[in-house]
Amino acid sequence: MTDFSENAMQTIKKDGKWTPVILLRNASIVNIGDMFESINQWELPSASQERISISTFYKARYEEHPASSLISEETPALFRRVTVEEYLRGRFARVLREKSCLDVLRIQHGQG
């Protein structure tokens, strides 16, 4: 987090009260997906600073795609199906000629 003010992040305790999280500079907050203990948290936005969240996946093997109920002739898929491994390989490849890994996955409807 880039906002180190006292109320930038809070967790809720078992008594139902929101408590500020003390943030340390040059430290990371790691959410391990409720493997240790499930907690409710929220980050309070700052009007003066940008906030960025980054999600990563450990041993993800699933194929990602839009829900079938969202796809029809009127609303076709915009991107092809992709595994997390395939996406990450493309995302971090230095040889990509396109501007984004999503350009590689984008379906060109009505062309060719």
Protein backbone atom coordinates (compact mmCIF):
# COMPACT_ATOMS: atom_id res chain seq x y z
CA MET A 1 0.00 0.00 0.00
CA THR A 2 1.14 3.50 -0.66
CA ASP A 3 -1.10 5.22 1.86
CA PHE A 4 0.41 4.88 5.33
CA SER A 5 -2.12 7.00 7.18
CA GLU A 6 -3.59 5.49 10.32
CA ASN A 7 -6.93 4.58 8.77
CA ALA A 8 -5.78 3.40 5.33
CA MET A 9 -6.73 -0.22 6.12
CA GLN A 10 -9.00 -1.72 8.74
CA THR A 11 -10.05 -5.20 9.86
CA ILE A 12 -13.11 -6.15 11.83
CA LYS A 13 -12.56 -7.91 15.14
CA LYS A 14 -14.76 -10.61 16.65
CA ASP A 15 -16.49 -7.97 18.76
CA GLY A 16 -17.70 -6.28 15.54
CA LYS A 17 -15.49 -3.19 15.85
CA TRP A 18 -13.33 -1.99 12.95
CA THR A 19 -9.68 -1.63 13.97
CA PRO A 20 -6.93 0.21 12.04
CA VAL A 21 -4.09 -1.92 10.67
CA ILE A 22 -0.65 -0.49 11.38
CA LEU A 23 1.15 -0.40 8.03
CA LEU A 24 4.92 -0.59 7.81
CA ARG A 25 6.84 1.15 5.05
CA ASN A 26 8.55 -1.17 2.54
CA ALA A 27 6.43 -4.11 3.72
CA SER A 28 3.84 -6.15 1.84
CA ILE A 29 0.44 -7.32 2.94
CA VAL A 30 -0.10 -10.94 1.93
CA ASN A 31 -3.58 -12.44 1.89
CA ILE A 32 -3.28 -16.23 1.90
CA GLY A 33 -6.86 -16.88 0.87
CA ASP A 34 -8.41 -17.72 4.26
CA MET A 35 -5.96 -20.59 4.81
CA PHE A 36 -5.02 -19.34 8.27
CA GLU A 37 -8.09 -17.42 9.38
CA SER A 38 -10.87 -15.73 7.46
CA ILE A 39 -11.01 -11.99 8.08
CA ASN A 40 -13.06 -9.11 6.83
CA GLN A 41 -11.03 -6.12 5.76
CA TRP A 42 -11.35 -2.95 3.78
CA GLU A 43 -9.08 -0.31 2.44
CA LEU A 44 -10.19 3.27 2.74
CA PRO A 45 -9.45 5.28 -0.40
CA SER A 46 -7.31 8.38 -0.28
CA ALA A 47 -8.39 11.42 -2.26
CA SER A 48 -4.77 12.47 -2.66
CA GLN A 49 -2.96 9.19 -3.45
CA GLU A 50 -3.32 6.43 -6.02
CA ARG A 51 -3.96 2.88 -4.80
CA ILE A 52 -3.04 -0.28 -6.71
CA SER A 53 -4.09 -3.86 -5.90
CA ILE A 54 -2.24 -6.82 -7.38
CA SER A 55 -3.66 -10.34 -7.29
CA THR A 56 -1.52 -13.42 -7.77
CA PHE A 57 -2.44 -17.08 -7.79
CA TYR A 58 -0.49 -19.98 -6.34
CA LYS A 59 -0.78 -23.23 -8.31
CA ALA A 60 -3.75 -22.01 -10.34
CA ARG A 61 -4.65 -24.57 -13.02
CA TYR A 62 -8.07 -23.48 -14.12
CA GLU A 63 -9.18 -22.37 -17.54
CA GLU A 64 -10.62 -18.88 -17.50
CA HIS A 65 -13.52 -17.86 -19.70
CA PRO A 66 -16.74 -15.88 -19.52
CA ALA A 67 -19.76 -17.63 -18.05
CA SER A 68 -21.73 -19.49 -20.74
CA SER A 69 -24.86 -17.59 -19.74
CA LEU A 70 -23.17 -14.35 -20.86
CA ILE A 71 -22.32 -15.59 -24.38
CA SER A 72 -24.78 -15.53 -27.28
CA GLU A 73 -24.87 -14.61 -30.97
CA GLU A 74 -25.76 -11.07 -29.92
CA THR A 75 -23.04 -10.92 -27.25
CA PRO A 76 -20.13 -13.12 -28.41
CA ALA A 77 -17.04 -13.74 -26.30
CA LEU A 78 -14.43 -11.01 -26.67
CA PHE A 79 -11.50 -13.19 -25.56
CA ARG A 80 -10.63 -16.86 -26.12
CA ARG A 81 -10.44 -19.36 -23.27
CA VAL A 82 -7.10 -19.35 -21.50
CA THR A 83 -5.44 -21.18 -18.63
CA VAL A 84 -3.88 -19.10 -15.88
CA GLU A 85 -0.48 -20.56 -16.80
CA GLU A 86 -0.91 -19.58 -20.45
CA TYR A 87 -2.02 -16.07 -19.51
CA LEU A 88 0.90 -15.53 -17.14
CA ARG A 89 3.41 -16.83 -19.69
CA GLY A 90 2.10 -14.36 -22.23
CA ARG A 91 1.79 -11.58 -19.70
CA PHE A 92 5.40 -11.76 -18.62
CA ALA A 93 6.95 -12.66 -21.99
CA ARG A 94 9.37 -10.00 -23.20
CA VAL A 95 8.83 -10.99 -26.83
CA LEU A 96 5.21 -9.89 -27.09
CA ARG A 97 4.77 -7.74 -30.16
CA GLU A 98 1.31 -6.60 -29.13
CA LYS A 99 0.73 -3.86 -26.59
CA SER A 100 -0.87 -6.26 -24.12
CA CYS A 101 -1.29 -9.97 -23.48
CA LEU A 102 -5.02 -9.36 -23.88
CA ASP A 103 -4.37 -8.46 -27.53
CA VAL A 104 -3.17 -12.04 -28.05
CA LEU A 105 -6.35 -13.42 -26.47
CA ARG A 106 -8.80 -11.02 -28.16
CA ILE A 107 -11.21 -12.61 -30.66
CA GLN A 108 -11.50 -10.62 -33.90
CA HIS A 109 -15.19 -11.03 -34.82
CA GLY A 110 -16.12 -10.54 -38.46
CA GLN A 111 -12.53 -10.64 -39.72
CA GLY A 112 -10.98 -13.36 -41.86
